[in-house]
Amino acid sequence: MSVNKRKKAVFNWSGGKDSSLALYKVLQQDEFEVVALLTTVNEETELSSMHAIPFLLLMKQAESIGIPLYPVFLPKNLPVYEQRMLDAANHFKAQGVEHFIFGDIYLSDVRKYREDHLHPLGIEVVEPIWNLNSNEVMQNFLDSGIKTKIIVTDASKLDESFIGQDIDAELIARMPSEVDLCGENGEYHTFAYAGGLFKHSVEFEITETRQMSYEFKLENGEEKTYHYWQAIFAT
């Protein structure tokens, strides 16, 4: 009788709801052996790059899930991003990993970027929740039993009252109509902490909500300021 050997994979972990849902689906199947949760962390703040989750809580998430965390620390100098991610990909390629899994939904330019950089290395991009619409993803998420809190919002889309709230059917029902239910356009980011793929709840405390402003340079050279509400965690 032949034994089905699982393919080695790295899961690109954000710590939020879509990432948790995608990993939950992968772990329910028997196709991949997920050897690590790869995440990017700001060297100076020790917060995850997109969701502003403290490194300690990322470690606690990984411990509860039962898969080692592999952090890639990044400075403010973004040009080093591609090199450090290339180094990480080569590190895992040397261990026989040929699949990188992501929790993207439908941003085709993001997927193309990943494929353009990973395919030349012989690494396939896997997207378990790709091409579902936001309603389908949200229903899948609610059905999974994963618990997650909103920890960052685009201040122009969602006010500070949403910070610290759990994503559930009641909250989704009162989301403004112009906001993507899954926050796929950056309207909000989340922190997953229990249920579904977690063996036990991740203990944490939000101590305050703070408004943060960031300057971004657009492709045309124009600088634009974006404002966010952000949860501050107890350390």
Protein backbone atom coordinates (compact mmCIF):
# COMPACT_ATOMS: atom_id res chain seq x y z
CA MET A 1 0.00 0.00 0.00
CA SER A 2 1.47 3.36 -0.99
CA VAL A 3 1.85 6.06 1.61
CA ASN A 4 0.70 9.56 0.70
CA LYS A 5 3.70 11.78 1.44
CA ARG A 6 2.70 15.31 2.28
CA LYS A 7 4.38 18.19 0.47
CA LYS A 8 6.54 20.48 2.58
CA ALA A 9 5.20 24.01 2.75
CA VAL A 10 5.74 27.31 4.53
CA PHE A 11 2.69 29.31 5.53
CA ASN A 12 3.02 33.09 5.27
CA TRP A 13 1.42 34.18 8.52
CA SER A 14 -0.09 37.61 9.21
CA GLY A 15 -1.78 36.69 12.48
CA GLY A 16 -5.19 37.87 11.26
CA LYS A 17 -8.47 36.28 10.26
CA ASP A 18 -7.84 35.50 6.56
CA SER A 19 -4.45 34.02 7.37
CA SER A 20 -6.00 31.92 10.15
CA LEU A 21 -8.83 30.73 7.92
CA ALA A 22 -6.45 29.73 5.10
CA LEU A 23 -4.18 27.84 7.51
CA TYR A 24 -7.20 26.21 9.17
CA LYS A 25 -8.31 24.85 5.77
CA VAL A 26 -4.79 23.58 5.00
CA LEU A 27 -4.50 21.79 8.35
CA GLN A 28 -7.87 20.12 7.82
CA GLN A 29 -6.54 18.51 4.66
CA ASP A 30 -3.62 16.10 4.32
CA GLU A 31 -1.80 17.56 1.33
CA PHE A 32 0.82 19.76 3.03
CA GLU A 33 3.22 19.47 5.93
CA VAL A 34 3.48 23.06 7.16
CA VAL A 35 7.01 23.36 8.55
CA ALA A 36 6.93 27.03 9.61
CA LEU A 37 4.86 30.17 9.91
CA LEU A 38 6.82 32.91 8.12
CA THR A 39 6.05 36.44 9.25
CA THR A 40 7.64 39.86 8.75
CA VAL A 41 8.40 42.03 11.79
CA ASN A 42 9.57 45.64 12.05
CA GLU A 43 13.04 45.60 13.60
CA GLU A 44 12.51 48.81 15.56
CA THR A 45 8.98 48.35 16.90
CA GLU A 46 8.94 44.52 17.04
CA LEU A 47 5.43 44.67 15.59
CA SER A 48 4.28 42.65 12.58
CA SER A 49 4.57 44.63 9.37
CA MET A 50 0.91 44.85 8.38
CA HIS A 51 -1.20 44.09 11.44
CA ALA A 52 0.99 45.71 14.15
CA ILE A 53 0.89 42.54 16.29
CA PRO A 54 3.65 42.40 18.94
CA PHE A 55 6.30 39.76 18.24
CA LEU A 56 5.59 38.09 21.60
CA LEU A 57 1.96 37.54 20.60
CA LEU A 58 3.00 36.13 17.22
CA MET A 59 5.12 33.64 19.15
CA LYS A 60 2.16 32.78 21.38
CA GLN A 61 -0.05 32.23 18.31
CA ALA A 62 2.51 29.85 16.80
CA GLU A 63 2.88 27.96 20.07
CA SER A 64 -0.88 27.49 20.36
CA ILE A 65 -1.15 26.35 16.72
CA GLY A 66 1.83 24.02 17.14
CA ILE A 67 3.94 25.23 14.18
CA PRO A 68 7.28 27.08 14.62
CA LEU A 69 7.36 30.81 13.86
CA TYR A 70 10.01 31.99 11.40
CA PRO A 71 10.31 35.79 11.71
CA VAL A 72 11.92 37.94 9.03
CA PHE A 73 12.98 41.20 10.68
CA LEU A 74 12.80 44.26 8.44
CA PRO A 75 14.15 47.78 8.93
CA LYS A 76 12.36 50.92 7.74
CA ASN A 77 14.56 50.72 4.66
CA LEU A 78 12.09 48.85 2.44
CA PRO A 79 14.54 48.10 -0.41
CA VAL A 80 15.99 45.28 1.72
CA TYR A 81 12.56 43.58 1.86
CA GLU A 82 12.99 41.62 -1.34
CA GLN A 83 16.49 40.44 -0.41
CA ARG A 84 15.47 39.25 3.05
CA MET A 85 12.43 37.45 1.68
CA LEU A 86 14.64 35.88 -0.99
CA ASP A 87 17.02 34.72 1.74
CA ALA A 88 14.10 33.20 3.64
CA ALA A 89 12.78 31.45 0.53
CA ASN A 90 16.20 30.00 -0.22
CA HIS A 91 16.55 28.90 3.39
CA PHE A 92 13.39 26.80 3.11
CA LYS A 93 14.11 25.68 -0.45
CA ALA A 94 17.31 24.08 0.89
CA GLN A 95 15.10 22.11 3.30
CA GLY A 96 12.98 20.71 0.49
CA VAL A 97 10.13 23.22 0.68
CA GLU A 98 8.52 23.79 -2.71
CA HIS A 99 5.27 25.50 -1.70
CA PHE A 100 4.54 28.85 -0.03
CA ILE A 101 0.94 29.23 1.19
CA PHE A 102 -0.83 32.60 1.52
CA GLY A 103 -4.21 33.84 2.75
CA ASP A 104 -4.95 36.19 -0.16
CA ILE A 105 -8.47 36.48 -1.51
CA TYR A 106 -8.64 38.36 -4.80
CA LEU A 107 -5.92 41.01 -5.15
CA SER A 108 -4.45 39.69 -8.40
CA ASP A 109 -1.51 42.12 -8.42
CA VAL A 110 -0.43 40.79 -5.01
CA ARG A 111 -0.61 37.20 -6.21
CA LYS A 112 1.31 38.05 -9.39
CA TYR A 113 4.04 39.70 -7.30
CA ARG A 114 4.38 36.56 -5.19
CA GLU A 115 4.48 34.27 -8.22
CA ASP A 116 6.99 36.45 -10.07
CA HIS A 117 9.41 36.21 -7.14
CA LEU A 118 8.85 32.61 -6.03
CA HIS A 119 8.36 30.69 -9.29
CA PRO A 120 11.96 31.35 -10.47
CA LEU A 121 13.11 29.66 -7.25
CA GLY A 122 11.02 26.58 -7.97
CA ILE A 123 8.50 27.45 -5.27
CA GLU A 124 4.78 27.24 -6.04
CA VAL A 125 2.28 29.73 -4.62
CA VAL A 126 -0.76 28.13 -2.92
CA GLU A 127 -3.88 30.19 -2.13
CA PRO A 128 -6.53 28.16 -0.20
CA ILE A 129 -9.18 30.91 -0.10
CA TRP A 130 -8.39 32.52 -3.46
CA ASN A 131 -11.22 33.87 -5.61
CA LEU A 132 -13.94 33.52 -3.00
CA ASN A 133 -15.96 36.69 -2.65
CA SER A 134 -15.91 38.57 0.65
CA ASN A 135 -19.29 37.20 1.73
CA GLU A 136 -18.11 33.63 1.15
CA VAL A 137 -14.83 34.20 2.99
CA MET A 138 -16.62 35.80 5.92
CA GLN A 139 -19.15 32.97 6.15
CA ASN A 140 -16.31 30.43 6.01
CA PHE A 141 -14.57 32.35 8.77
CA LEU A 142 -17.64 32.52 11.02
CA ASP A 143 -18.24 28.78 10.45
CA SER A 144 -14.64 27.95 11.44
CA GLY A 145 -15.12 29.08 15.03
CA ILE A 146 -11.91 31.14 14.95
CA LYS A 147 -12.07 34.17 17.23
CA THR A 148 -10.42 37.41 16.14
CA LYS A 149 -10.42 41.05 17.22
CA ILE A 150 -10.08 44.18 15.08
CA ILE A 151 -6.80 45.84 16.07
CA VAL A 152 -6.17 48.38 13.28
CA THR A 153 -8.61 50.46 11.23
CA ASP A 154 -8.24 52.98 8.43
CA ALA A 155 -9.51 56.04 10.32
CA SER A 156 -11.24 57.36 7.20
CA LYS A 157 -13.36 54.19 6.99
CA LEU A 158 -13.89 52.86 10.52
CA ASP A 159 -13.76 54.85 13.75
CA GLU A 160 -11.99 53.92 16.99
CA SER A 161 -15.08 52.16 18.39
CA PHE A 162 -14.28 49.15 16.16
CA ILE A 163 -10.89 48.58 17.83
CA GLY A 164 -10.98 45.60 20.19
CA GLN A 165 -14.26 44.24 18.85
CA ASP A 166 -14.63 40.59 17.85
CA ILE A 167 -15.57 39.76 14.27
CA ASP A 168 -18.99 38.13 14.49
CA ALA A 169 -22.29 38.22 12.63
CA GLU A 170 -23.54 41.18 14.64
CA LEU A 171 -20.46 43.27 13.87
CA ILE A 172 -20.55 42.36 10.18
CA ALA A 173 -24.20 43.45 10.00
CA ARG A 174 -23.30 46.98 11.06
CA MET A 175 -20.21 47.42 8.89
CA PRO A 176 -20.57 50.51 6.66
CA SER A 177 -21.64 49.53 3.14
CA GLU A 178 -18.51 51.05 1.57
CA VAL A 179 -16.22 48.81 3.66
CA ASP A 180 -15.19 45.43 2.24
CA LEU A 181 -16.45 42.83 4.72
CA CYS A 182 -13.01 41.23 4.87
CA GLY A 183 -11.11 44.51 4.94
CA GLU A 184 -9.42 43.48 1.72
CA ASN A 185 -8.78 47.10 0.76
CA GLY A 186 -6.98 47.82 4.04
CA GLU A 187 -10.05 49.03 5.94
CA TYR A 188 -9.11 46.97 8.99
CA HIS A 189 -6.72 44.32 10.31
CA THR A 190 -7.28 41.68 12.95
CA PHE A 191 -5.62 39.51 15.58
CA ALA A 192 -6.76 35.86 15.79
CA TYR A 193 -6.52 34.35 19.25
CA ALA A 194 -8.74 31.29 19.80
CA GLY A 195 -10.92 28.59 18.24
CA GLY A 196 -10.46 26.65 15.02
CA LEU A 197 -6.76 25.93 14.59
CA PHE A 198 -5.73 27.14 18.08
CA LYS A 199 -5.15 24.47 20.72
CA HIS A 200 -5.74 27.03 23.47
CA SER A 201 -6.59 30.73 23.69
CA VAL A 202 -3.78 33.25 23.29
CA GLU A 203 -3.75 35.50 26.34
CA PHE A 204 -3.46 39.23 25.62
CA GLU A 205 -4.74 42.61 26.76
CA ILE A 206 -5.48 45.77 24.79
CA THR A 207 -4.69 48.72 27.04
CA GLU A 208 -5.56 51.67 24.80
CA THR A 209 -6.44 52.84 21.30
CA ARG A 210 -4.09 55.28 19.62
CA GLN A 211 -4.27 57.21 16.36
CA MET A 212 -1.22 56.73 14.15
CA SER A 213 -0.23 58.62 11.00
CA TYR A 214 2.05 57.35 8.25
CA GLU A 215 3.56 59.11 5.23
CA PHE A 216 3.61 57.18 1.96
CA LYS A 217 5.18 58.21 -1.33
CA LEU A 218 2.94 57.41 -4.29
CA GLU A 219 4.20 56.24 -7.68
CA ASN A 220 3.83 59.77 -9.08
CA GLY A 221 6.13 61.09 -6.34
CA GLU A 222 3.34 62.68 -4.34
CA GLU A 223 3.44 62.14 -0.57
CA LYS A 224 0.21 61.27 1.18
CA THR A 225 -0.59 60.89 4.88
CA TYR A 226 -2.82 58.04 6.06
CA HIS A 227 -4.39 57.92 9.51
CA TYR A 228 -5.15 54.72 11.44
CA TRP A 229 -6.63 53.72 14.75
CA GLN A 230 -4.41 51.10 16.37
CA ALA A 231 -4.75 48.87 19.42
CA ILE A 232 -1.91 49.08 21.93
CA PHE A 233 -1.22 45.81 23.71
CA ALA A 234 0.00 45.31 27.28
CA THR A 235 3.66 44.26 27.34
